[in-house]
Structure formats: C-alpha cells, structure tokens
Amino acid sequence: MKKQVLLVEDTKLLAASIADILIMEGFEVTIAENGKDALQIIKNHPIDIVITDIVMPEMDGITFVKFVRAQAHLVGIPIIVLSAKVFNAQEQEEKAGGADLFIQKPCDLEFLVSSITRLIK
C-alpha cells in the first residue's frame, strides 16, 4: 500500500511540482491549499506524513501544526515544515510548533524524499 502524503501548500505550481516528484517516488499525495482545508482532510483520511508551508491564507502552517500536535490521535503523524523564510535553529524550533523537520525553500527534492522516507519508517 502506498504511503499517504498530505501536502499543504498554497502556491499551486509548487504544490504540483512537489506532488509530481512524490508520486514518481511511489507516494500517494493529497494537496490542501491551507491549514483549514488540511484539517478537514486529515480528519477524514489516513495520512502517513504531512508537508506544510508556513505562510498561507485561512490558517497558516504553524497554527495547523500546533492544532495537529494537540490532537492525541494525530500526534504521531510526522510533519515537515517548508518555508521560504530564513530562521536560525532556535527560531525554527519555535516557529515549527512541534514539527519533526524544518526545510528551507527552495528545497532539494531528493533531500525531501529521503526525509519523508526516514520519518515514516
């Protein structure tokens, strides 16, 4: 069975590019345009890992991550935060809101795929 990736990204072209790579690597990808939509998806579908942007309309990525981490039944889902903003290590920890990994955009897609594989094992 394919591993389920929830990609939360409001830039459609970037979301499509990342999704295409992940699909070629054997993952099944669901895309949400913001944290609010992602919450609906994660409540109704089994997800193995989440990749989320920070800056999005409706609900930003940090608020989304904090909400997921506060839900006992969702707390074990690995979360990768992608951001175009540059943060030092302490700021990353504070901003990521409990995410497992913080990756700066533009990201090395090979690194992203290897990180996903490592986190869902």
PDB file of N, CA and C in Angstrom:
ATOM      1  N   MET A   1       0.840  -1.177   0.000  1.00  0.00           N
ATOM      2  CA  MET A   1       0.000   0.000   0.000  1.00  0.00           C
ATOM      3  C   MET A   1       0.888   1.245   0.000  1.00  0.00           C
ATOM      4  N   LYS A   2       0.530   2.222  -0.820  1.00  0.00           N
ATOM      5  CA  LYS A   2       1.306   3.444  -0.928  1.00  0.00           C
ATOM      6  C   LYS A   2       1.156   4.285   0.339  1.00  0.00           C
ATOM      7  N   LYS A   3       2.243   4.947   0.726  1.00  0.00           N
ATOM      8  CA  LYS A   3       2.207   5.857   1.867  1.00  0.00           C
ATOM      9  C   LYS A   3       1.487   7.140   1.452  1.00  0.00           C
ATOM     10  N   GLN A   4       0.655   7.643   2.368  1.00  0.00           N
ATOM     11  CA  GLN A   4      -0.187   8.801   2.112  1.00  0.00           C
ATOM     12  C   GLN A   4       0.486  10.084   2.590  1.00  0.00           C
ATOM     13  N   VAL A   5       0.708  11.028   1.666  1.00  0.00           N
ATOM     14  CA  VAL A   5       1.326  12.310   1.987  1.00  0.00           C
ATOM     15  C   VAL A   5       0.264  13.395   1.858  1.00  0.00           C
ATOM     16  N   LEU A   6       0.153  14.226   2.883  1.00  0.00           N
ATOM     17  CA  LEU A   6      -0.700  15.402   2.809  1.00  0.00           C
ATOM     18  C   LEU A   6       0.224  16.597   2.593  1.00  0.00           C
ATOM     19  N   LEU A   7       0.102  17.250   1.459  1.00  0.00           N
ATOM     20  CA  LEU A   7       0.915  18.401   1.102  1.00  0.00           C
ATOM     21  C   LEU A   7       0.056  19.657   1.250  1.00  0.00           C
ATOM     22  N   VAL A   8       0.465  20.540   2.158  1.00  0.00           N
ATOM     23  CA  VAL A   8      -0.294  21.752   2.436  1.00  0.00           C
ATOM     24  C   VAL A   8       0.516  22.931   1.895  1.00  0.00           C
ATOM     25  N   GLU A   9       0.102  23.421   0.746  1.00  0.00           N
ATOM     26  CA  GLU A   9       0.862  24.456   0.031  1.00  0.00           C
ATOM     27  C   GLU A   9      -0.100  25.277  -0.804  1.00  0.00           C
ATOM     28  N   ASP A  10      -0.053  26.607  -0.644  1.00  0.00           N
ATOM     29  CA  ASP A  10      -0.997  27.463  -1.366  1.00  0.00           C
ATOM     30  C   ASP A  10      -0.504  27.888  -2.747  1.00  0.00           C
ATOM     31  N   THR A  11       0.761  27.695  -3.048  1.00  0.00           N
ATOM     32  CA  THR A  11       1.270  28.016  -4.380  1.00  0.00           C
ATOM     33  C   THR A  11       1.050  26.796  -5.271  1.00  0.00           C
ATOM     34  N   LYS A  12       0.097  26.904  -6.169  1.00  0.00           N
ATOM     35  CA  LYS A  12      -0.344  25.749  -6.963  1.00  0.00           C
ATOM     36  C   LYS A  12       0.783  25.112  -7.784  1.00  0.00           C
ATOM     37  N   LEU A  13       1.622  25.923  -8.400  1.00  0.00           N
ATOM     38  CA  LEU A  13       2.705  25.390  -9.220  1.00  0.00           C
ATOM     39  C   LEU A  13       3.708  24.609  -8.367  1.00  0.00           C
ATOM     40  N   LEU A  14       4.063  25.157  -7.222  1.00  0.00           N
ATOM     41  CA  LEU A  14       4.992  24.463  -6.325  1.00  0.00           C
ATOM     42  C   LEU A  14       4.367  23.169  -5.801  1.00  0.00           C
ATOM     43  N   ALA A  15       3.105  23.243  -5.403  1.00  0.00           N
ATOM     44  CA  ALA A  15       2.414  22.050  -4.908  1.00  0.00           C
ATOM     45  C   ALA A  15       2.393  20.958  -5.979  1.00  0.00           C
ATOM     46  N   ALA A  16       2.092  21.341  -7.214  1.00  0.00           N
ATOM     47  CA  ALA A  16       2.042  20.366  -8.308  1.00  0.00           C
ATOM     48  C   ALA A  16       3.421  19.768  -8.570  1.00  0.00           C
ATOM     49  N   SER A  17       4.465  20.591  -8.511  1.00  0.00           N
ATOM     50  CA  SER A  17       5.832  20.105  -8.746  1.00  0.00           C
ATOM     51  C   SER A  17       6.248  19.103  -7.686  1.00  0.00           C
ATOM     52  N   ILE A  18       6.011  19.456  -6.421  1.00  0.00           N
ATOM     53  CA  ILE A  18       6.368  18.543  -5.320  1.00  0.00           C
ATOM     54  C   ILE A  18       5.542  17.262  -5.423  1.00  0.00           C
ATOM     55  N   ALA A  19       4.253  17.412  -5.674  1.00  0.00           N
ATOM     56  CA  ALA A  19       3.375  16.237  -5.776  1.00  0.00           C
ATOM     57  C   ALA A  19       3.831  15.308  -6.897  1.00  0.00           C
ATOM     58  N   ASP A  20       4.200  15.863  -8.048  1.00  0.00           N
ATOM     59  CA  ASP A  20       4.651  15.032  -9.173  1.00  0.00           C
ATOM     60  C   ASP A  20       5.867  14.197  -8.788  1.00  0.00           C
ATOM     61  N   ILE A  21       6.828  14.824  -8.114  1.00  0.00           N
ATOM     62  CA  ILE A  21       8.038  14.101  -7.684  1.00  0.00           C
ATOM     63  C   ILE A  21       7.674  12.992  -6.700  1.00  0.00           C
ATOM     64  N   LEU A  22       6.821  13.317  -5.726  1.00  0.00           N
ATOM     65  CA  LEU A  22       6.442  12.320  -4.719  1.00  0.00           C
ATOM     66  C   LEU A  22       5.666  11.158  -5.335  1.00  0.00           C
ATOM     67  N   ILE A  23       4.812  11.452  -6.288  1.00  0.00           N
ATOM     68  CA  ILE A  23       4.063  10.396  -6.974  1.00  0.00           C
ATOM     69  C   ILE A  23       5.017   9.490  -7.747  1.00  0.00           C
ATOM     70  N   MET A  24       6.006  10.092  -8.409  1.00  0.00           N
ATOM     71  CA  MET A  24       7.008   9.294  -9.138  1.00  0.00           C
ATOM     72  C   MET A  24       7.825   8.418  -8.179  1.00  0.00           C
ATOM     73  N   GLU A  25       7.941   8.851  -6.922  1.00  0.00           N
ATOM     74  CA  GLU A  25       8.678   8.084  -5.921  1.00  0.00           C
ATOM     75  C   GLU A  25       7.794   7.031  -5.234  1.00  0.00           C
ATOM     76  N   GLY A  26       6.532   6.950  -5.640  1.00  0.00           N
ATOM     77  CA  GLY A  26       5.660   5.896  -5.133  1.00  0.00           C
ATOM     78  C   GLY A  26       4.723   6.301  -4.005  1.00  0.00           C
ATOM     79  N   PHE A  27       4.619   7.591  -3.720  1.00  0.00           N
ATOM     80  CA  PHE A  27       3.707   8.058  -2.682  1.00  0.00           C
ATOM     81  C   PHE A  27       2.368   8.447  -3.302  1.00  0.00           C
ATOM     82  N   GLU A  28       1.323   8.409  -2.487  1.00  0.00           N
ATOM     83  CA  GLU A  28       0.042   8.968  -2.883  1.00  0.00           C
ATOM     84  C   GLU A  28      -0.064  10.328  -2.215  1.00  0.00           C
ATOM     85  N   VAL A  29      -0.418  11.369  -2.970  1.00  0.00           N
ATOM     86  CA  VAL A  29      -0.382  12.735  -2.469  1.00  0.00           C
ATOM     87  C   VAL A  29      -1.760  13.383  -2.534  1.00  0.00           C
ATOM     88  N   THR A  30      -2.143  13.993  -1.416  1.00  0.00           N
ATOM     89  CA  THR A  30      -3.342  14.817  -1.351  1.00  0.00           C
ATOM     90  C   THR A  30      -2.871  16.240  -1.084  1.00  0.00           C
ATOM     91  N   ILE A  31      -3.410  17.201  -1.814  1.00  0.00           N
ATOM     92  CA  ILE A  31      -2.989  18.596  -1.668  1.00  0.00           C
ATOM     93  C   ILE A  31      -4.100  19.407  -1.015  1.00  0.00           C
ATOM     94  N   ALA A  32      -3.710  20.225  -0.031  1.00  0.00           N
ATOM     95  CA  ALA A  32      -4.602  21.210   0.580  1.00  0.00           C
ATOM     96  C   ALA A  32      -3.956  22.581   0.379  1.00  0.00           C
ATOM     97  N   GLU A  33      -4.780  23.604   0.174  1.00  0.00           N
ATOM     98  CA  GLU A  33      -4.250  24.940  -0.081  1.00  0.00           C
ATOM     99  C   GLU A  33      -3.997  25.750   1.181  1.00  0.00           C
ATOM    100  N   ASN A  34      -4.473  25.259   2.326  1.00  0.00           N
ATOM    101  CA  ASN A  34      -4.247  25.971   3.588  1.00  0.00           C
ATOM    102  C   ASN A  34      -4.498  25.014   4.751  1.00  0.00           C
ATOM    103  N   GLY A  35      -4.157  25.468   5.942  1.00  0.00           N
ATOM    104  CA  GLY A  35      -4.302  24.630   7.121  1.00  0.00           C
ATOM    105  C   GLY A  35      -5.731  24.231   7.418  1.00  0.00           C
ATOM    106  N   LYS A  36      -6.659  25.124   7.142  1.00  0.00           N
ATOM    107  CA  LYS A  36      -8.079  24.828   7.388  1.00  0.00           C
ATOM    108  C   LYS A  36      -8.541  23.654   6.530  1.00  0.00           C
ATOM    109  N   ASP A  37      -8.205  23.692   5.246  1.00  0.00           N
ATOM    110  CA  ASP A  37      -8.565  22.575   4.360  1.00  0.00           C
ATOM    111  C   ASP A  37      -7.830  21.298   4.767  1.00  0.00           C
ATOM    112  N   ALA A  38      -6.590  21.451   5.177  1.00  0.00           N
ATOM    113  CA  ALA A  38      -5.792  20.290   5.595  1.00  0.00           C
ATOM    114  C   ALA A  38      -6.404  19.596   6.808  1.00  0.00           C
ATOM    115  N   LEU A  39      -6.957  20.369   7.732  1.00  0.00           N
ATOM    116  CA  LEU A  39      -7.593  19.770   8.909  1.00  0.00           C
ATOM    117  C   LEU A  39      -8.758  18.881   8.509  1.00  0.00           C
ATOM    118  N   GLN A  40      -9.538  19.317   7.532  1.00  0.00           N
ATOM    119  CA  GLN A  40     -10.659  18.502   7.060  1.00  0.00           C
ATOM    120  C   GLN A  40     -10.161  17.200   6.443  1.00  0.00           C
ATOM    121  N   ILE A  41      -9.091  17.295   5.686  1.00  0.00           N
ATOM    122  CA  ILE A  41      -8.534  16.100   5.042  1.00  0.00           C
ATOM    123  C   ILE A  41      -7.981  15.142   6.084  1.00  0.00           C
ATOM    124  N   ILE A  42      -7.200  15.651   7.011  1.00  0.00           N
ATOM    125  CA  ILE A  42      -6.538  14.789   7.994  1.00  0.00           C
ATOM    126  C   ILE A  42      -7.547  14.134   8.944  1.00  0.00           C
ATOM    127  N   LYS A  43      -8.696  14.776   9.132  1.00  0.00           N
ATOM    128  CA  LYS A  43      -9.742  14.191   9.975  1.00  0.00           C
ATOM    129  C   LYS A  43     -10.443  13.028   9.275  1.00  0.00           C
ATOM    130  N   ASN A  44     -10.503  13.067   7.945  1.00  0.00           N
ATOM    131  CA  ASN A  44     -11.297  12.104   7.189  1.00  0.00           C
ATOM    132  C   ASN A  44     -10.507  11.058   6.418  1.00  0.00           C
ATOM    133  N   HIS A  45      -9.186  11.205   6.359  1.00  0.00           N
ATOM    134  CA  HIS A  45      -8.372  10.276   5.582  1.00  0.00           C
ATOM    135  C   HIS A  45      -7.127   9.881   6.360  1.00  0.00           C
ATOM    136  N   PRO A  46      -6.721   8.626   6.256  1.00  0.00           N
ATOM    137  CA  PRO A  46      -5.471   8.225   6.916  1.00  0.00           C
ATOM    138  C   PRO A  46      -4.278   8.880   6.210  1.00  0.00           C
ATOM    139  N   ILE A  47      -3.431   9.531   6.979  1.00  0.00           N
ATOM    140  CA  ILE A  47      -2.265  10.235   6.448  1.00  0.00           C
ATOM    141  C   ILE A  47      -1.024   9.688   7.151  1.00  0.00           C
ATOM    142  N   ASP A  48       0.032   9.408   6.376  1.00  0.00           N
ATOM    143  CA  ASP A  48       1.276   8.910   6.953  1.00  0.00           C
ATOM    144  C   ASP A  48       2.262  10.017   7.288  1.00  0.00           C
ATOM    145  N   ILE A  49       2.206  11.138   6.558  1.00  0.00           N
ATOM    146  CA  ILE A  49       3.104  12.264   6.792  1.00  0.00           C
ATOM    147  C   ILE A  49       2.498  13.525   6.208  1.00  0.00           C
ATOM    148  N   VAL A  50       2.823  14.675   6.830  1.00  0.00           N
ATOM    149  CA  VAL A  50       2.349  15.974   6.366  1.00  0.00           C
ATOM    150  C   VAL A  50       3.553  16.827   5.998  1.00  0.00           C
ATOM    151  N   ILE A  51       3.444  17.522   4.872  1.00  0.00           N
ATOM    152  CA  ILE A  51       4.421  18.533   4.474  1.00  0.00           C
ATOM    153  C   ILE A  51       3.628  19.831   4.366  1.00  0.00           C
ATOM    154  N   THR A  52       4.034  20.855   5.125  1.00  0.00           N
ATOM    155  CA  THR A  52       3.263  22.090   5.121  1.00  0.00           C
ATOM    156  C   THR A  52       4.130  23.326   4.970  1.00  0.00           C
ATOM    157  N   ASP A  53       3.600  24.273   4.239  1.00  0.00           N
ATOM    158  CA  ASP A  53       4.173  25.607   4.141  1.00  0.00           C
ATOM    159  C   ASP A  53       3.822  26.341   5.432  1.00  0.00           C
ATOM    160  N   ILE A  54       4.464  27.486   5.672  1.00  0.00           N
ATOM    161  CA  ILE A  54       4.106  28.299   6.836  1.00  0.00           C
ATOM    162  C   ILE A  54       3.093  29.372   6.450  1.00  0.00           C
ATOM    163  N   VAL A  55       3.427  30.167   5.452  1.00  0.00           N
ATOM    164  CA  VAL A  55       2.599  31.321   5.100  1.00  0.00           C
ATOM    165  C   VAL A  55       1.519  30.894   4.104  1.00  0.00           C
ATOM    166  N   MET A  56       0.265  30.888   4.606  1.00  0.00           N
ATOM    167  CA  MET A  56      -0.881  30.503   3.780  1.00  0.00           C
ATOM    168  C   MET A  56      -2.111  31.269   4.249  1.00  0.00           C
ATOM    169  N   PRO A  57      -3.109  31.407   3.378  1.00  0.00           N
ATOM    170  CA  PRO A  57      -4.360  32.059   3.799  1.00  0.00           C
ATOM    171  C   PRO A  57      -5.186  31.105   4.675  1.00  0.00           C
ATOM    172  N   GLU A  58      -6.221  31.624   5.275  1.00  0.00           N
ATOM    173  CA  GLU A  58      -7.182  30.864   6.098  1.00  0.00           C
ATOM    174  C   GLU A  58      -6.589  30.397   7.419  1.00  0.00           C
ATOM    175  N   MET A  59      -5.578  29.532   7.358  1.00  0.00           N
ATOM    176  CA  MET A  59      -4.875  29.057   8.549  1.00  0.00           C
ATOM    177  C   MET A  59      -3.435  28.795   8.150  1.00  0.00           C
ATOM    178  N   ASP A  60      -2.504  29.460   8.835  1.00  0.00           N
ATOM    179  CA  ASP A  60      -1.097  29.284   8.476  1.00  0.00           C
ATOM    180  C   ASP A  60      -0.574  27.925   8.942  1.00  0.00           C
ATOM    181  N   GLY A  61       0.609  27.570   8.470  1.00  0.00           N
ATOM    182  CA  GLY A  61       1.181  26.268   8.754  1.00  0.00           C
ATOM    183  C   GLY A  61       1.496  26.029  10.216  1.00  0.00           C
ATOM    184  N   ILE A  62       1.953  27.067  10.926  1.00  0.00           N
ATOM    185  CA  ILE A  62       2.296  26.908  12.340  1.00  0.00           C
ATOM    186  C   ILE A  62       1.043  26.633  13.164  1.00  0.00           C
ATOM    187  N   THR A  63      -0.020  27.368  12.905  1.00  0.00           N
ATOM    188  CA  THR A  63      -1.285  27.126  13.607  1.00  0.00           C
ATOM    189  C   THR A  63      -1.781  25.714  13.311  1.00  0.00           C
ATOM    190  N   PHE A  64      -1.663  25.301  12.061  1.00  0.00           N
ATOM    191  CA  PHE A  64      -2.062  23.949  11.666  1.00  0.00           C
ATOM    192  C   PHE A  64      -1.247  22.899  12.418  1.00  0.00           C
ATOM    193  N   VAL A  65       0.077  23.060  12.452  1.00  0.00           N
ATOM    194  CA  VAL A  65       0.946  22.090  13.134  1.00  0.00           C
ATOM    195  C   VAL A  65       0.594  22.015  14.613  1.00  0.00           C
ATOM    196  N   LYS A  66       0.421  23.158  15.251  1.00  0.00           N
ATOM    197  CA  LYS A  66       0.082  23.176  16.687  1.00  0.00           C
ATOM    198  C   LYS A  66      -1.250  22.479  16.940  1.00  0.00           C
ATOM    199  N   PHE A  67      -2.223  22.688  16.059  1.00  0.00           N
ATOM    200  CA  PHE A  67      -3.511  22.030  16.217  1.00  0.00           C
ATOM    201  C   PHE A  67      -3.364  20.511  16.093  1.00  0.00           C
ATOM    202  N   VAL A  68      -2.630  20.056  15.083  1.00  0.00           N
ATOM    203  CA  VAL A  68      -2.422  18.616  14.885  1.00  0.00           C
ATOM    204  C   VAL A  68      -1.727  18.017  16.098  1.00  0.00           C
ATOM    205  N   ARG A  69      -0.695  18.694  16.601  1.00  0.00           N
ATOM    206  CA  ARG A  69       0.061  18.184  17.748  1.00  0.00           C
ATOM    207  C   ARG A  69      -0.781  18.142  19.018  1.00  0.00           C
ATOM    208  N   ALA A  70      -1.846  18.930  19.085  1.00  0.00           N
ATOM    209  CA  ALA A  70      -2.723  18.942  20.254  1.00  0.00           C
ATOM    210  C   ALA A  70      -3.768  17.823  20.223  1.00  0.00           C
ATOM    211  N   GLN A  71      -3.883  17.129  19.108  1.00  0.00           N
ATOM    212  CA  GLN A  71      -4.860  16.048  18.959  1.00  0.00           C
ATOM    213  C   GLN A  71      -4.188  14.709  19.234  1.00  0.00           C
ATOM    214  N   ALA A  72      -4.609  14.024  20.271  1.00  0.00           N
ATOM    215  CA  ALA A  72      -3.960  12.777  20.683  1.00  0.00           C
ATOM    216  C   ALA A  72      -3.891  11.757  19.550  1.00  0.00           C
ATOM    217  N   HIS A  73      -4.933  11.631  18.748  1.00  0.00           N
ATOM    218  CA  HIS A  73      -4.961  10.626  17.690  1.00  0.00           C
ATOM    219  C   HIS A  73      -4.131  11.020  16.468  1.00  0.00           C
ATOM    220  N   LEU A  74      -3.655  12.276  16.410  1.00  0.00           N
ATOM    221  CA  LEU A  74      -2.861  12.734  15.272  1.00  0.00           C
ATOM    222  C   LEU A  74      -1.403  13.014  15.634  1.00  0.00           C
ATOM    223  N   VAL A  75      -1.106  13.000  16.907  1.00  0.00           N
ATOM    224  CA  VAL A  75       0.212  13.437  17.379  1.00  0.00           C
ATOM    225  C   VAL A  75       1.376  12.635  16.790  1.00  0.00           C
ATOM    226  N   GLY A  76       1.155  11.405  16.399  1.00  0.00           N
ATOM    227  CA  GLY A  76       2.231  10.573  15.869  1.00  0.00           C
ATOM    228  C   GLY A  76       2.543  10.772  14.393  1.00  0.00           C
ATOM    229  N   ILE A  77       1.762  11.587  13.712  1.00  0.00           N
ATOM    230  CA  ILE A  77       1.999  11.814  12.283  1.00  0.00           C
ATOM    231  C   ILE A  77       3.209  12.735  12.127  1.00  0.00           C
ATOM    232  N   PRO A  78       4.237  12.302  11.396  1.00  0.00           N
ATOM    233  CA  PRO A  78       5.383  13.180  11.167  1.00  0.00           C
ATOM    234  C   PRO A  78       4.985  14.396  10.339  1.00  0.00           C
ATOM    235  N   ILE A  79       5.595  15.534  10.672  1.00  0.00           N
ATOM    236  CA  ILE A  79       5.301  16.783   9.957  1.00  0.00           C
ATOM    237  C   ILE A  79       6.600  17.450   9.541  1.00  0.00           C
ATOM    238  N   ILE A  80       6.657  17.808   8.260  1.00  0.00           N
ATOM    239  CA  ILE A  80       7.776  18.580   7.717  1.00  0.00           C
ATOM    240  C   ILE A  80       7.251  19.971   7.382  1.00  0.00           C
ATOM    241  N   VAL A  81       7.940  21.006   7.864  1.00  0.00           N
ATOM    242  CA  VAL A  81       7.578  22.384   7.558  1.00  0.00           C
ATOM    243  C   VAL A  81       8.522  22.902   6.486  1.00  0.00           C
ATOM    244  N   LEU A  82       7.947  23.466   5.421  1.00  0.00           N
ATOM    245  CA  LEU A  82       8.720  24.129   4.370  1.00  0.00           C
ATOM    246  C   LEU A  82       8.505  25.630   4.506  1.00  0.00           C
ATOM    247  N   SER A  83       9.581  26.403   4.389  1.00  0.00           N
ATOM    248  CA  SER A  83       9.432  27.850   4.472  1.00  0.00           C
ATOM    249  C   SER A  83      10.473  28.557   3.634  1.00  0.00           C
ATOM    250  N   ALA A  84      10.055  29.636   2.984  1.00  0.00           N
ATOM    251  CA  ALA A  84      10.985  30.468   2.225  1.00  0.00           C
ATOM    252  C   ALA A  84      11.739  31.411   3.149  1.00  0.00           C
ATOM    253  N   LYS A  85      11.249  31.581   4.357  1.00  0.00           N
ATOM    254  CA  LYS A  85      11.908  32.465   5.316  1.00  0.00           C
ATOM    255  C   LYS A  85      13.118  31.763   5.920  1.00  0.00           C
ATOM    256  N   VAL A  86      14.126  32.545   6.233  1.00  0.00           N
ATOM    257  CA  VAL A  86      15.342  32.013   6.845  1.00  0.00           C
ATOM    258  C   VAL A  86      15.256  32.228   8.359  1.00  0.00           C
ATOM    259  N   PHE A  87      15.377  31.146   9.104  1.00  0.00           N
ATOM    260  CA  PHE A  87      15.351  31.208  10.561  1.00  0.00           C
ATOM    261  C   PHE A  87      16.576  30.500  11.110  1.00  0.00           C
ATOM    262  N   ASN A  88      17.079  30.969  12.261  1.00  0.00           N
ATOM    263  CA  ASN A  88      18.151  30.215  12.914  1.00  0.00           C
ATOM    264  C   ASN A  88      17.522  29.013  13.615  1.00  0.00           C
ATOM    265  N   ALA A  89      18.355  28.149  14.186  1.00  0.00           N
ATOM    266  CA  ALA A  89      17.864  26.883  14.760  1.00  0.00           C
ATOM    267  C   ALA A  89      16.832  27.108  15.859  1.00  0.00           C
ATOM    268  N   GLN A  90      17.051  28.069  16.736  1.00  0.00           N
ATOM    269  CA  GLN A  90      16.092  28.320  17.820  1.00  0.00           C
ATOM    270  C   GLN A  90      14.772  28.841  17.260  1.00  0.00           C
ATOM    271  N   GLU A  91      14.855  29.744  16.294  1.00  0.00           N
ATOM    272  CA  GLU A  91      13.645  30.268  15.673  1.00  0.00           C
ATOM    273  C   GLU A  91      12.886  29.166  14.939  1.00  0.00           C
ATOM    274  N   GLN A  92      13.622  28.258  14.295  1.00  0.00           N
ATOM    275  CA  GLN A  92      12.982  27.139  13.607  1.00  0.00           C
ATOM    276  C   GLN A  92      12.174  26.314  14.596  1.00  0.00           C
ATOM    277  N   GLU A  93      12.777  26.019  15.733  1.00  0.00           N
ATOM    278  CA  GLU A  93      12.097  25.221  16.759  1.00  0.00           C
ATOM    279  C   GLU A  93      10.824  25.926  17.223  1.00  0.00           C
ATOM    280  N   GLU A  94      10.930  27.223  17.494  1.00  0.00           N
ATOM    281  CA  GLU A  94       9.778  27.987  17.962  1.00  0.00           C
ATOM    282  C   GLU A  94       8.706  28.096  16.876  1.00  0.00           C
ATOM    283  N   LYS A  95       9.119  28.383  15.648  1.00  0.00           N
ATOM    284  CA  LYS A  95       8.179  28.577  14.557  1.00  0.00           C
ATOM    285  C   LYS A  95       7.527  27.281  14.104  1.00  0.00           C
ATOM    286  N   ALA A  96       8.269  26.189  14.158  1.00  0.00           N
ATOM    287  CA  ALA A  96       7.758  24.926  13.623  1.00  0.00           C
ATOM    288  C   ALA A  96       6.636  24.341  14.466  1.00  0.00           C
ATOM    289  N   GLY A  97       6.475  24.782  15.708  1.00  0.00           N
ATOM    290  CA  GLY A  97       5.337  24.378  16.521  1.00  0.00           C
ATOM    291  C   GLY A  97       5.206  22.888  16.761  1.00  0.00           C
ATOM    292  N   GLY A  98       6.316  22.178  16.813  1.00  0.00           N
ATOM    293  CA  GLY A  98       6.271  20.747  17.056  1.00  0.00           C
ATOM    294  C   GLY A  98       6.486  19.903  15.816  1.00  0.00           C
ATOM    295  N   ALA A  99       6.885  20.525  14.732  1.00  0.00           N
ATOM    296  CA  ALA A  99       7.171  19.766  13.514  1.00  0.00           C
ATOM    297  C   ALA A  99       8.424  18.915  13.710  1.00  0.00           C
ATOM    298  N   ASP A 100       8.533  17.851  12.934  1.00  0.00           N
ATOM    299  CA  ASP A 100       9.681  16.950  13.026  1.00  0.00           C
ATOM    300  C   ASP A 100      10.891  17.466  12.261  1.00  0.00           C
ATOM    301  N   LEU A 101      10.650  18.260  11.224  1.00  0.00           N
ATOM    302  CA  LEU A 101      11.743  18.733  10.383  1.00  0.00           C
ATOM    303  C   LEU A 101      11.352  20.069   9.775  1.00  0.00           C
ATOM    304  N   PHE A 102      12.316  20.955   9.652  1.00  0.00           N
ATOM    305  CA  PHE A 102      12.124  22.278   9.081  1.00  0.00           C
ATOM    306  C   PHE A 102      13.054  22.377   7.882  1.00  0.00           C
ATOM    307  N   ILE A 103      12.513  22.607   6.683  1.00  0.00           N
ATOM    308  CA  ILE A 103      13.315  22.684   5.464  1.00  0.00           C
ATOM    309  C   ILE A 103      13.063  24.032   4.795  1.00  0.00           C
ATOM    310  N   GLN A 104      14.144  24.692   4.424  1.00  0.00           N
ATOM    311  CA  GLN A 104      14.029  25.989   3.760  1.00  0.00           C
ATOM    312  C   GLN A 104      13.747  25.811   2.273  1.00  0.00           C
ATOM    313  N   LYS A 105      12.850  26.649   1.741  1.00  0.00           N
ATOM    314  CA  LYS A 105      12.560  26.666   0.306  1.00  0.00           C
ATOM    315  C   LYS A 105      13.568  27.581  -0.374  1.00  0.00           C
ATOM    316  N   PRO A 106      13.922  27.360  -1.601  1.00  0.00           N
ATOM    317  CA  PRO A 106      13.552  26.168  -2.369  1.00  0.00           C
ATOM    318  C   PRO A 106      14.303  24.972  -1.808  1.00  0.00           C
ATOM    319  N   CYS A 107      13.623  23.848  -1.753  1.00  0.00           N
ATOM    320  CA  CYS A 107      14.240  22.681  -1.130  1.00  0.00           C
ATOM    321  C   CYS A 107      14.790  21.724  -2.186  1.00  0.00           C
ATOM    322  N   ASP A 108      15.770  20.979  -1.757  1.00  0.00           N
ATOM    323  CA  ASP A 108      16.337  19.913  -2.573  1.00  0.00           C
ATOM    324  C   ASP A 108      15.327  18.767  -2.522  1.00  0.00           C
ATOM    325  N   LEU A 109      14.687  18.479  -3.643  1.00  0.00           N
ATOM    326  CA  LEU A 109      13.622  17.474  -3.651  1.00  0.00           C
ATOM    327  C   LEU A 109      14.135  16.080  -3.304  1.00  0.00           C
ATOM    328  N   GLU A 110      15.370  15.781  -3.635  1.00  0.00           N
ATOM    329  CA  GLU A 110      15.951  14.492  -3.251  1.00  0.00           C
ATOM    330  C   GLU A 110      16.055  14.401  -1.726  1.00  0.00           C
ATOM    331  N   PHE A 111      16.470  15.505  -1.093  1.00  0.00           N
ATOM    332  CA  PHE A 111      16.540  15.552   0.369  1.00  0.00           C
ATOM    333  C   PHE A 111      15.144  15.418   0.972  1.00  0.00           C
ATOM    334  N   LEU A 112      14.163  16.080   0.376  1.00  0.00           N
ATOM    335  CA  LEU A 112      12.789  15.991   0.863  1.00  0.00           C
ATOM    336  C   LEU A 112      12.292  14.550   0.806  1.00  0.00           C
ATOM    337  N   VAL A 113      12.506  13.869  -0.313  1.00  0.00           N
ATOM    338  CA  VAL A 113      12.058  12.483  -0.459  1.00  0.00           C
ATOM    339  C   VAL A 113      12.760  11.585   0.563  1.00  0.00           C
ATOM    340  N   SER A 114      14.062  11.744   0.735  1.00  0.00           N
ATOM    341  CA  SER A 114      14.782  10.903   1.701  1.00  0.00           C
ATOM    342  C   SER A 114      14.323  11.202   3.132  1.00  0.00           C
ATOM    343  N   SER A 115      13.988  12.455   3.404  1.00  0.00           N
ATOM    344  CA  SER A 115      13.484  12.828   4.737  1.00  0.00           C
ATOM    345  C   SER A 115      12.108  12.199   4.994  1.00  0.00           C
ATOM    346  N   ILE A 116      11.256  12.221   3.991  1.00  0.00           N
ATOM    347  CA  ILE A 116       9.939  11.609   4.117  1.00  0.00           C
ATOM    348  C   ILE A 116      10.105  10.112   4.405  1.00  0.00           C
ATOM    349  N   THR A 117      10.933   9.456   3.624  1.00  0.00           N
ATOM    350  CA  THR A 117      11.143   8.022   3.797  1.00  0.00           C
ATOM    351  C   THR A 117      11.658   7.703   5.194  1.00  0.00           C
ATOM    352  N   ARG A 118      12.599   8.510   5.681  1.00  0.00           N
ATOM    353  CA  ARG A 118      13.159   8.301   7.016  1.00  0.00           C
ATOM    354  C   ARG A 118      12.108   8.514   8.104  1.00  0.00           C
ATOM    355  N   LEU A 119      11.293   9.543   7.970  1.00  0.00           N
ATOM    356  CA  LEU A 119      10.319   9.879   9.012  1.00  0.00           C
ATOM    357  C   LEU A 119       9.137   8.911   9.091  1.00  0.00           C
ATOM    358  N   ILE A 120       8.792   8.269   7.985  1.00  0.00           N
ATOM    359  CA  ILE A 120       7.613   7.384   8.040  1.00  0.00           C
ATOM    360  C   ILE A 120       7.973   5.934   8.338  1.00  0.00           C
ATOM    361  N   LYS A 121       9.241   5.650   8.547  1.00  0.00           N
ATOM    362  CA  LYS A 121       9.618   4.273   8.886  1.00  0.00           C
ATOM    363  C   LYS A 121       9.341   3.968  10.324  1.00  0.00           C
TER     364      LYS A 121
END
